[in-house]
Amino acid sequence: MKKLNLVLSIFIGITIFSCSSDDNSNTNDTQSGFNYNGVFYPTSNLYLNYINDEPSDTSISLIMVSENLIDNCENNDVDYVLLQFSTTSADVILEEMTYTDLDYDFFDYVVFNNGVFNSDCDLIDSEMIFNDSTDSLLADSISLTINSINDNNIDLNYSMTREDGSIINGNYIGSYTDVSDF
């Protein structure tokens, strides 16, 4: 009987220790940013710009960036994603849906890492990954999915494929700043 109690005590002890908390693991389940060539680039800020000059000139810009460029433009080592696309409606609003280059004109897009901005907010250096004005960096396909959006927060995923087959996949989950009236 003593042997059985000893075995039972050891079994209970092993069970208790094997069920202990794993609090030492990383609790940050989701980090906003993009992956390119196996490297993750964080983008912890999102700026949203609704442009509604006239019904024929309506567009939405999403700028995801690793640094707060509103308070201080002069930054080094900036990771940056700009997706700007035309809308077909005079009521410019970002909705929970998927936007692709098949249905919307993504006329302005730029993705770079290690960007350097001067105090006038001019980009003076970077490692370009995608750029709508450079033939070798053109996107063959673009997809943007808005999973949820409200007055304060947005959850989105995006992917871009370059004509040479290079791909970026990214996401942003968190608060955003509406710069439409700046």
N, C-alpha and C. Protein backbone atom coordinates (compact mmCIF):
# COMPACT_ATOMS: atom_id res chain seq x y z
N MET A 1 0.82 -1.18 0.00
CA MET A 1 0.00 0.00 0.00
C MET A 1 0.87 1.25 0.00
N LYS A 2 2.00 1.24 0.78
CA LYS A 2 2.89 2.38 0.79
C LYS A 2 3.50 2.60 -0.59
N LYS A 3 3.80 1.52 -1.31
CA LYS A 3 4.36 1.62 -2.64
C LYS A 3 3.36 2.27 -3.59
N LEU A 4 2.08 1.90 -3.46
CA LEU A 4 1.03 2.46 -4.29
C LEU A 4 0.87 3.95 -4.00
N ASN A 5 0.90 4.34 -2.73
CA ASN A 5 0.79 5.76 -2.37
C ASN A 5 1.98 6.55 -2.91
N LEU A 6 3.19 5.97 -2.86
CA LEU A 6 4.38 6.63 -3.38
C LEU A 6 4.26 6.82 -4.89
N VAL A 7 3.85 5.79 -5.60
CA VAL A 7 3.68 5.88 -7.06
C VAL A 7 2.60 6.91 -7.39
N LEU A 8 1.50 6.87 -6.66
CA LEU A 8 0.41 7.82 -6.88
C LEU A 8 0.87 9.25 -6.60
N SER A 9 1.65 9.47 -5.55
CA SER A 9 2.17 10.80 -5.21
C SER A 9 3.11 11.30 -6.30
N ILE A 10 3.98 10.44 -6.80
CA ILE A 10 4.89 10.81 -7.88
C ILE A 10 4.09 11.17 -9.13
N PHE A 11 3.10 10.38 -9.46
CA PHE A 11 2.26 10.63 -10.64
C PHE A 11 1.54 11.98 -10.51
N ILE A 12 0.97 12.26 -9.33
CA ILE A 12 0.28 13.54 -9.11
C ILE A 12 1.27 14.69 -9.20
N GLY A 13 2.45 14.54 -8.63
CA GLY A 13 3.47 15.58 -8.70
C GLY A 13 3.90 15.87 -10.13
N ILE A 14 4.12 14.82 -10.90
CA ILE A 14 4.48 15.00 -12.31
C ILE A 14 3.36 15.70 -13.07
N THR A 15 2.13 15.31 -12.79
CA THR A 15 0.98 15.93 -13.45
C THR A 15 0.89 17.41 -13.12
N ILE A 16 1.07 17.77 -11.87
CA ILE A 16 0.98 19.18 -11.45
C ILE A 16 2.08 19.99 -12.12
N PHE A 17 3.31 19.50 -12.13
CA PHE A 17 4.41 20.25 -12.73
C PHE A 17 4.28 20.33 -14.24
N SER A 18 3.76 19.31 -14.87
CA SER A 18 3.61 19.35 -16.33
C SER A 18 2.48 20.27 -16.75
N CYS A 19 1.57 20.61 -15.87
CA CYS A 19 0.47 21.52 -16.19
C CYS A 19 0.75 22.93 -15.71
N SER A 20 1.97 23.22 -15.30
CA SER A 20 2.26 24.56 -14.81
C SER A 20 2.15 25.57 -15.94
N SER A 21 2.00 26.82 -15.57
CA SER A 21 1.79 27.90 -16.53
C SER A 21 3.02 28.10 -17.41
N ASP A 22 2.77 28.46 -18.66
CA ASP A 22 3.84 28.77 -19.60
C ASP A 22 3.94 30.28 -19.77
N ASP A 23 3.92 31.01 -18.67
CA ASP A 23 3.90 32.47 -18.72
C ASP A 23 5.17 33.06 -19.32
N ASN A 24 6.22 32.30 -19.45
CA ASN A 24 7.45 32.82 -20.02
C ASN A 24 7.39 32.93 -21.53
N SER A 25 6.34 32.43 -22.15
CA SER A 25 6.24 32.50 -23.60
C SER A 25 5.84 33.90 -24.02
N ASN A 26 6.03 34.22 -25.28
CA ASN A 26 5.71 35.53 -25.82
C ASN A 26 4.20 35.73 -25.84
N THR A 27 3.73 36.80 -25.23
CA THR A 27 2.30 37.04 -25.19
C THR A 27 1.82 37.93 -26.33
N ASN A 28 2.74 38.45 -27.14
CA ASN A 28 2.36 39.29 -28.27
C ASN A 28 2.01 38.39 -29.45
N ASP A 29 0.73 38.01 -29.54
CA ASP A 29 0.30 37.06 -30.56
C ASP A 29 0.38 37.64 -31.96
N THR A 30 0.03 38.90 -32.11
CA THR A 30 -0.03 39.49 -33.43
C THR A 30 0.77 40.78 -33.45
N GLN A 31 1.70 40.89 -34.36
CA GLN A 31 2.45 42.11 -34.54
C GLN A 31 2.18 42.63 -35.94
N SER A 32 1.88 43.91 -36.05
CA SER A 32 1.60 44.51 -37.35
C SER A 32 2.90 44.71 -38.12
N GLY A 33 2.85 44.42 -39.41
CA GLY A 33 4.02 44.60 -40.26
C GLY A 33 3.91 43.76 -41.51
N PHE A 34 5.02 43.63 -42.23
CA PHE A 34 5.02 42.83 -43.45
C PHE A 34 6.24 41.94 -43.51
N ASN A 35 6.09 40.83 -44.23
CA ASN A 35 7.17 39.87 -44.46
C ASN A 35 7.65 40.00 -45.89
N TYR A 36 8.96 40.05 -46.05
CA TYR A 36 9.56 40.09 -47.38
C TYR A 36 10.87 39.33 -47.33
N ASN A 37 11.03 38.36 -48.21
CA ASN A 37 12.24 37.53 -48.27
C ASN A 37 12.61 36.93 -46.92
N GLY A 38 11.60 36.48 -46.17
CA GLY A 38 11.84 35.82 -44.90
C GLY A 38 12.16 36.75 -43.74
N VAL A 39 12.06 38.06 -43.94
CA VAL A 39 12.34 39.03 -42.88
C VAL A 39 11.05 39.77 -42.55
N PHE A 40 10.79 39.97 -41.25
CA PHE A 40 9.60 40.70 -40.81
C PHE A 40 9.97 42.15 -40.54
N TYR A 41 9.17 43.07 -41.10
CA TYR A 41 9.36 44.51 -40.91
C TYR A 41 8.13 45.05 -40.18
N PRO A 42 8.29 45.55 -38.95
CA PRO A 42 7.12 46.04 -38.19
C PRO A 42 6.61 47.37 -38.72
N THR A 43 5.31 47.53 -38.69
CA THR A 43 4.66 48.81 -39.01
C THR A 43 3.62 49.05 -37.93
N SER A 44 3.99 49.81 -36.92
CA SER A 44 3.14 49.96 -35.74
C SER A 44 2.21 51.17 -35.79
N ASN A 45 2.24 51.95 -36.86
CA ASN A 45 1.36 53.12 -37.01
C ASN A 45 0.62 53.00 -38.33
N LEU A 46 -0.64 53.43 -38.33
CA LEU A 46 -1.40 53.46 -39.58
C LEU A 46 -2.08 54.82 -39.69
N TYR A 47 -1.88 55.44 -40.85
CA TYR A 47 -2.52 56.71 -41.18
C TYR A 47 -3.49 56.46 -42.31
N LEU A 48 -4.71 56.94 -42.15
CA LEU A 48 -5.77 56.75 -43.13
C LEU A 48 -6.14 58.11 -43.70
N ASN A 49 -6.21 58.20 -45.04
CA ASN A 49 -6.53 59.46 -45.69
C ASN A 49 -7.63 59.23 -46.71
N TYR A 50 -8.79 59.83 -46.46
CA TYR A 50 -9.89 59.81 -47.42
C TYR A 50 -9.77 61.06 -48.29
N ILE A 51 -9.72 60.89 -49.59
CA ILE A 51 -9.61 62.00 -50.52
C ILE A 51 -10.87 62.05 -51.35
N ASN A 52 -11.61 63.14 -51.24
CA ASN A 52 -12.86 63.27 -51.97
C ASN A 52 -12.94 64.67 -52.56
N ASP A 53 -12.11 64.94 -53.58
CA ASP A 53 -12.10 66.25 -54.21
C ASP A 53 -13.31 66.47 -55.09
N GLU A 54 -13.70 65.46 -55.79
CA GLU A 54 -14.89 65.49 -56.64
C GLU A 54 -15.22 64.03 -56.97
N PRO A 55 -16.40 63.76 -57.46
CA PRO A 55 -16.77 62.35 -57.69
C PRO A 55 -15.81 61.58 -58.59
N SER A 56 -15.12 62.26 -59.49
CA SER A 56 -14.20 61.53 -60.36
C SER A 56 -12.81 61.38 -59.73
N ASP A 57 -12.58 62.02 -58.60
CA ASP A 57 -11.27 61.96 -57.96
C ASP A 57 -11.41 61.56 -56.50
N THR A 58 -11.92 60.38 -56.27
CA THR A 58 -12.07 59.88 -54.91
C THR A 58 -11.11 58.72 -54.70
N SER A 59 -10.44 58.72 -53.58
CA SER A 59 -9.50 57.64 -53.31
C SER A 59 -9.30 57.48 -51.81
N ILE A 60 -8.67 56.38 -51.47
CA ILE A 60 -8.35 56.05 -50.08
C ILE A 60 -6.87 55.72 -50.01
N SER A 61 -6.17 56.30 -49.06
CA SER A 61 -4.76 55.99 -48.83
C SER A 61 -4.60 55.36 -47.46
N LEU A 62 -3.84 54.29 -47.42
CA LEU A 62 -3.44 53.65 -46.17
C LEU A 62 -1.93 53.70 -46.11
N ILE A 63 -1.40 54.30 -45.05
CA ILE A 63 0.04 54.39 -44.86
C ILE A 63 0.37 53.66 -43.57
N MET A 64 1.10 52.57 -43.68
CA MET A 64 1.54 51.81 -42.50
C MET A 64 3.03 52.03 -42.36
N VAL A 65 3.45 52.46 -41.18
CA VAL A 65 4.84 52.87 -41.01
C VAL A 65 5.33 52.49 -39.62
N SER A 66 6.63 52.27 -39.51
CA SER A 66 7.20 51.83 -38.24
C SER A 66 7.43 52.98 -37.26
N GLU A 67 7.39 54.21 -37.73
CA GLU A 67 7.65 55.36 -36.87
C GLU A 67 6.48 56.34 -36.93
N ASN A 68 6.33 57.15 -35.88
CA ASN A 68 5.31 58.20 -35.86
C ASN A 68 5.85 59.38 -36.64
N LEU A 69 5.39 59.56 -37.88
CA LEU A 69 5.90 60.62 -38.73
C LEU A 69 5.15 61.94 -38.55
N ILE A 70 4.04 61.92 -37.80
CA ILE A 70 3.31 63.17 -37.57
C ILE A 70 4.05 64.05 -36.58
N ASP A 71 4.53 63.48 -35.51
CA ASP A 71 5.21 64.25 -34.47
C ASP A 71 6.64 64.64 -34.87
N ASN A 72 7.29 63.78 -35.66
CA ASN A 72 8.67 64.04 -36.03
C ASN A 72 9.00 63.29 -37.32
N CYS A 73 9.13 64.01 -38.40
CA CYS A 73 9.43 63.36 -39.68
C CYS A 73 10.86 62.86 -39.75
N GLU A 74 11.77 63.54 -39.10
CA GLU A 74 13.18 63.20 -39.23
C GLU A 74 13.45 61.88 -38.52
N ASN A 75 13.52 60.80 -39.29
CA ASN A 75 13.69 59.45 -38.76
C ASN A 75 14.60 58.64 -39.65
N ASN A 76 15.23 57.66 -39.06
CA ASN A 76 16.04 56.70 -39.80
C ASN A 76 15.46 55.31 -39.59
N ASP A 77 15.77 54.39 -40.47
CA ASP A 77 15.37 52.99 -40.35
C ASP A 77 13.86 52.83 -40.31
N VAL A 78 13.16 53.51 -41.23
CA VAL A 78 11.72 53.49 -41.29
C VAL A 78 11.26 52.42 -42.26
N ASP A 79 10.34 51.57 -41.82
CA ASP A 79 9.68 50.59 -42.69
C ASP A 79 8.32 51.17 -43.05
N TYR A 80 7.91 51.07 -44.33
CA TYR A 80 6.81 51.89 -44.82
C TYR A 80 6.04 51.14 -45.89
N VAL A 81 4.71 51.23 -45.83
CA VAL A 81 3.82 50.69 -46.86
C VAL A 81 2.77 51.75 -47.18
N LEU A 82 2.62 52.09 -48.45
CA LEU A 82 1.56 52.98 -48.90
C LEU A 82 0.73 52.23 -49.92
N LEU A 83 -0.57 52.16 -49.70
CA LEU A 83 -1.52 51.62 -50.66
C LEU A 83 -2.58 52.69 -50.89
N GLN A 84 -2.68 53.19 -52.11
CA GLN A 84 -3.69 54.18 -52.43
C GLN A 84 -4.46 53.70 -53.64
N PHE A 85 -5.79 53.74 -53.54
CA PHE A 85 -6.60 53.24 -54.64
C PHE A 85 -7.82 54.11 -54.86
N SER A 86 -8.29 54.12 -56.11
CA SER A 86 -9.48 54.89 -56.48
C SER A 86 -10.72 54.12 -56.07
N THR A 87 -11.75 54.88 -55.74
CA THR A 87 -13.04 54.28 -55.46
C THR A 87 -14.03 54.71 -56.53
N THR A 88 -15.09 53.97 -56.69
CA THR A 88 -16.07 54.26 -57.73
C THR A 88 -17.22 55.09 -57.22
N SER A 89 -17.21 55.40 -55.96
CA SER A 89 -18.31 56.12 -55.34
C SER A 89 -17.83 57.47 -54.83
N ALA A 90 -18.69 58.46 -54.88
CA ALA A 90 -18.36 59.76 -54.30
C ALA A 90 -18.31 59.69 -52.78
N ASP A 91 -18.98 58.72 -52.20
CA ASP A 91 -18.93 58.51 -50.75
C ASP A 91 -17.72 57.65 -50.44
N VAL A 92 -16.62 58.31 -50.12
CA VAL A 92 -15.38 57.59 -49.85
C VAL A 92 -15.44 57.04 -48.44
N ILE A 93 -15.45 55.74 -48.32
CA ILE A 93 -15.46 55.08 -47.02
C ILE A 93 -14.81 53.72 -47.17
N LEU A 94 -14.03 53.35 -46.21
CA LEU A 94 -13.38 52.05 -46.20
C LEU A 94 -14.33 51.05 -45.58
N GLU A 95 -14.61 49.98 -46.29
CA GLU A 95 -15.57 48.99 -45.83
C GLU A 95 -14.89 47.66 -45.55
N GLU A 96 -15.58 46.81 -44.78
CA GLU A 96 -15.10 45.46 -44.49
C GLU A 96 -15.33 44.61 -45.73
N MET A 97 -14.26 44.45 -46.52
CA MET A 97 -14.32 43.68 -47.76
C MET A 97 -12.90 43.51 -48.29
N THR A 98 -12.77 42.82 -49.41
CA THR A 98 -11.47 42.65 -50.06
C THR A 98 -11.41 43.54 -51.29
N TYR A 99 -10.35 44.31 -51.36
CA TYR A 99 -10.07 45.18 -52.51
C TYR A 99 -8.93 44.55 -53.28
N THR A 100 -9.10 44.34 -54.57
CA THR A 100 -8.02 43.80 -55.40
C THR A 100 -7.77 44.73 -56.58
N ASP A 101 -6.61 44.56 -57.19
CA ASP A 101 -6.28 45.37 -58.35
C ASP A 101 -7.14 45.00 -59.56
N LEU A 102 -7.90 43.92 -59.49
CA LEU A 102 -8.81 43.58 -60.57
C LEU A 102 -10.05 44.47 -60.55
N ASP A 103 -10.44 44.92 -59.34
CA ASP A 103 -11.66 45.71 -59.19
C ASP A 103 -11.40 47.19 -58.88
N TYR A 104 -10.23 47.50 -58.38
CA TYR A 104 -9.90 48.87 -57.98
C TYR A 104 -8.56 49.25 -58.57
N ASP A 105 -8.40 50.54 -58.85
CA ASP A 105 -7.16 51.05 -59.40
C ASP A 105 -6.22 51.43 -58.26
N PHE A 106 -5.25 50.55 -57.96
CA PHE A 106 -4.21 50.86 -56.98
C PHE A 106 -3.16 51.68 -57.72
N PHE A 107 -3.40 52.98 -57.83
CA PHE A 107 -2.57 53.81 -58.68
C PHE A 107 -1.31 54.31 -57.99
N ASP A 108 -1.25 54.20 -56.69
CA ASP A 108 -0.07 54.66 -55.97
C ASP A 108 0.25 53.65 -54.88
N TYR A 109 1.41 53.04 -54.97
CA TYR A 109 1.85 52.11 -53.93
C TYR A 109 3.37 52.16 -53.84
N VAL A 110 3.83 52.09 -52.62
CA VAL A 110 5.26 52.10 -52.33
C VAL A 110 5.47 51.24 -51.10
N VAL A 111 6.49 50.40 -51.13
CA VAL A 111 6.90 49.63 -49.97
C VAL A 111 8.42 49.72 -49.89
N PHE A 112 8.92 50.14 -48.73
CA PHE A 112 10.37 50.17 -48.55
C PHE A 112 10.72 49.88 -47.10
N ASN A 113 11.99 49.56 -46.90
CA ASN A 113 12.53 49.40 -45.55
C ASN A 113 13.78 50.25 -45.44
N ASN A 114 14.21 50.46 -44.21
CA ASN A 114 15.39 51.28 -43.91
C ASN A 114 15.31 52.67 -44.52
N GLY A 115 14.11 53.25 -44.50
CA GLY A 115 13.94 54.60 -45.05
C GLY A 115 14.51 55.66 -44.13
N VAL A 116 15.00 56.74 -44.75
CA VAL A 116 15.54 57.88 -44.02
C VAL A 116 14.77 59.11 -44.50
N PHE A 117 14.15 59.82 -43.53
CA PHE A 117 13.41 61.05 -43.82
C PHE A 117 14.15 62.23 -43.23
N ASN A 118 14.13 63.37 -43.93
CA ASN A 118 14.70 64.58 -43.36
C ASN A 118 13.63 65.35 -42.60
N SER A 119 13.97 66.49 -42.05
CA SER A 119 13.04 67.25 -41.22
C SER A 119 11.86 67.82 -42.02
N ASP A 120 11.98 67.88 -43.35
CA ASP A 120 10.88 68.34 -44.20
C ASP A 120 9.97 67.19 -44.64
N CYS A 121 10.17 66.02 -44.08
CA CYS A 121 9.39 64.81 -44.39
C CYS A 121 9.66 64.28 -45.80
N ASP A 122 10.81 64.61 -46.35
CA ASP A 122 11.20 64.08 -47.65
C ASP A 122 11.98 62.79 -47.46
N LEU A 123 11.65 61.79 -48.24
CA LEU A 123 12.41 60.53 -48.21
C LEU A 123 13.73 60.77 -48.94
N ILE A 124 14.85 60.56 -48.25
CA ILE A 124 16.14 60.82 -48.87
C ILE A 124 16.93 59.54 -49.16
N ASP A 125 16.50 58.42 -48.57
CA ASP A 125 17.18 57.15 -48.84
C ASP A 125 16.29 56.02 -48.37
N SER A 126 16.37 54.86 -49.04
CA SER A 126 15.62 53.68 -48.62
C SER A 126 16.03 52.49 -49.47
N GLU A 127 15.57 51.32 -49.06
CA GLU A 127 15.68 50.10 -49.86
C GLU A 127 14.28 49.81 -50.41
N MET A 128 14.03 50.20 -51.65
CA MET A 128 12.72 50.04 -52.27
C MET A 128 12.43 48.56 -52.53
N ILE A 129 11.19 48.16 -52.22
CA ILE A 129 10.75 46.79 -52.46
C ILE A 129 9.68 46.78 -53.55
N PHE A 130 8.71 47.68 -53.46
CA PHE A 130 7.68 47.88 -54.48
C PHE A 130 7.58 49.38 -54.73
N ASN A 131 7.36 49.75 -55.99
CA ASN A 131 7.19 51.16 -56.32
C ASN A 131 6.48 51.26 -57.66
N ASP A 132 5.35 51.94 -57.67
CA ASP A 132 4.55 52.02 -58.89
C ASP A 132 5.22 52.85 -59.99
N SER A 133 6.31 53.55 -59.68
CA SER A 133 6.98 54.35 -60.70
C SER A 133 8.33 53.78 -61.15
N THR A 134 8.62 52.54 -60.74
CA THR A 134 9.87 51.88 -61.13
C THR A 134 9.54 50.56 -61.80
N ASP A 135 9.91 50.41 -63.07
CA ASP A 135 9.52 49.23 -63.85
C ASP A 135 9.87 47.91 -63.17
N SER A 136 11.04 47.80 -62.58
CA SER A 136 11.46 46.52 -61.99
C SER A 136 10.78 46.25 -60.64
N LEU A 137 10.05 47.23 -60.10
CA LEU A 137 9.41 47.08 -58.79
C LEU A 137 7.89 47.15 -58.87
N LEU A 138 7.33 46.98 -60.08
CA LEU A 138 5.88 47.05 -60.26
C LEU A 138 5.19 45.83 -59.68
N ALA A 139 3.99 46.04 -59.16
CA ALA A 139 3.19 44.93 -58.63
C ALA A 139 2.39 44.29 -59.76
N ASP A 140 2.40 42.99 -59.77
CA ASP A 140 1.59 42.22 -60.71
C ASP A 140 0.19 42.02 -60.15
N SER A 141 0.09 41.92 -58.83
CA SER A 141 -1.22 41.80 -58.17
C SER A 141 -1.14 42.40 -56.77
N ILE A 142 -2.29 42.96 -56.35
CA ILE A 142 -2.42 43.58 -55.03
C ILE A 142 -3.76 43.16 -54.45
N SER A 143 -3.75 42.80 -53.17
CA SER A 143 -4.98 42.46 -52.47
C SER A 143 -4.94 43.08 -51.08
N LEU A 144 -6.04 43.72 -50.70
CA LEU A 144 -6.18 44.34 -49.39
C LEU A 144 -7.52 43.89 -48.82
N THR A 145 -7.50 43.26 -47.65
CA THR A 145 -8.73 42.81 -47.00
C THR A 145 -8.91 43.56 -45.69
N ILE A 146 -10.02 44.28 -45.58
CA ILE A 146 -10.38 44.94 -44.34
C ILE A 146 -11.25 43.96 -43.57
N ASN A 147 -10.71 43.40 -42.50
CA ASN A 147 -11.44 42.44 -41.68
C ASN A 147 -12.44 43.14 -40.76
N SER A 148 -12.03 44.27 -40.20
CA SER A 148 -12.94 45.07 -39.37
C SER A 148 -12.40 46.48 -39.29
N ILE A 149 -13.32 47.42 -39.14
CA ILE A 149 -12.94 48.83 -38.98
C ILE A 149 -14.04 49.53 -38.19
N ASN A 150 -13.61 50.43 -37.28
CA ASN A 150 -14.55 51.30 -36.58
C ASN A 150 -13.89 52.67 -36.47
N ASP A 151 -14.42 53.54 -35.64
CA ASP A 151 -13.89 54.90 -35.53
C ASP A 151 -12.46 54.97 -34.99
N ASN A 152 -12.02 53.92 -34.34
CA ASN A 152 -10.70 53.97 -33.69
C ASN A 152 -9.73 52.90 -34.15
N ASN A 153 -10.22 51.73 -34.55
CA ASN A 153 -9.35 50.58 -34.82
C ASN A 153 -9.62 49.98 -36.18
N ILE A 154 -8.60 49.30 -36.69
CA ILE A 154 -8.71 48.61 -37.97
C ILE A 154 -7.94 47.30 -37.90
N ASP A 155 -8.44 46.31 -38.60
CA ASP A 155 -7.80 45.01 -38.72
C ASP A 155 -7.77 44.69 -40.21
N LEU A 156 -6.57 44.58 -40.78
CA LEU A 156 -6.48 44.35 -42.22
C LEU A 156 -5.32 43.43 -42.55
N ASN A 157 -5.41 42.80 -43.72
CA ASN A 157 -4.34 41.99 -44.30
C ASN A 157 -4.11 42.47 -45.72
N TYR A 158 -2.88 42.37 -46.19
CA TYR A 158 -2.60 42.75 -47.56
C TYR A 158 -1.49 41.86 -48.13
N SER A 159 -1.47 41.76 -49.45
CA SER A 159 -0.40 41.05 -50.12
C SER A 159 -0.17 41.71 -51.47
N MET A 160 1.08 41.65 -51.88
CA MET A 160 1.48 42.19 -53.17
C MET A 160 2.46 41.22 -53.80
N THR A 161 2.30 41.02 -55.09
CA THR A 161 3.22 40.17 -55.84
C THR A 161 3.85 41.02 -56.94
N ARG A 162 5.15 41.02 -56.98
CA ARG A 162 5.87 41.76 -58.00
C ARG A 162 5.92 40.94 -59.28
N GLU A 163 6.18 41.59 -60.39
CA GLU A 163 6.23 40.90 -61.67
C GLU A 163 7.33 39.84 -61.72
N ASP A 164 8.37 39.98 -60.90
CA ASP A 164 9.44 38.96 -60.86
C ASP A 164 9.12 37.82 -59.88
N GLY A 165 7.92 37.84 -59.28
CA GLY A 165 7.50 36.78 -58.37
C GLY A 165 7.74 37.07 -56.90
N SER A 166 8.44 38.16 -56.57
CA SER A 166 8.66 38.53 -55.17
C SER A 166 7.32 38.89 -54.54
N ILE A 167 7.16 38.49 -53.27
CA ILE A 167 5.88 38.66 -52.58
C ILE A 167 6.11 39.31 -51.24
N ILE A 168 5.18 40.21 -50.86
CA ILE A 168 5.10 40.64 -49.47
C ILE A 168 3.71 40.30 -48.97
N ASN A 169 3.64 39.91 -47.72
CA ASN A 169 2.37 39.68 -47.02
C ASN A 169 2.44 40.49 -45.74
N GLY A 170 1.36 41.17 -45.43
CA GLY A 170 1.38 41.98 -44.23
C GLY A 170 0.03 42.06 -43.56
N ASN A 171 0.06 42.64 -42.38
CA ASN A 171 -1.17 42.86 -41.62
C ASN A 171 -1.00 44.08 -40.74
N TYR A 172 -2.12 44.60 -40.32
CA TYR A 172 -2.13 45.66 -39.33
C TYR A 172 -3.36 45.45 -38.47
N ILE A 173 -3.16 45.44 -37.17
CA ILE A 173 -4.25 45.35 -36.21
C ILE A 173 -3.99 46.39 -35.14
N GLY A 174 -4.89 47.35 -35.01
CA GLY A 174 -4.72 48.36 -33.98
C GLY A 174 -5.41 49.65 -34.32
N SER A 175 -5.03 50.68 -33.58
CA SER A 175 -5.64 51.99 -33.79
C SER A 175 -5.02 52.65 -35.01
N TYR A 176 -5.72 53.63 -35.54
CA TYR A 176 -5.22 54.38 -36.69
C TYR A 176 -5.48 55.86 -36.48
N THR A 177 -4.79 56.66 -37.27
CA THR A 177 -4.98 58.11 -37.25
C THR A 177 -5.55 58.53 -38.59
N ASP A 178 -6.69 59.21 -38.57
CA ASP A 178 -7.30 59.73 -39.79
C ASP A 178 -6.66 61.09 -40.07
N VAL A 179 -5.91 61.18 -41.16
CA VAL A 179 -5.21 62.42 -41.51
C VAL A 179 -5.91 63.14 -42.67
N SER A 180 -7.15 62.83 -42.91
CA SER A 180 -7.89 63.43 -44.03
C SER A 180 -7.99 64.93 -43.93
N ASP A 181 -8.06 65.48 -42.74
CA ASP A 181 -8.22 66.91 -42.56
C ASP A 181 -6.93 67.63 -42.21
N PHE A 182 -5.79 66.96 -42.30
CA PHE A 182 -4.51 67.59 -41.96
C PHE A 182 -4.09 68.52 -43.06
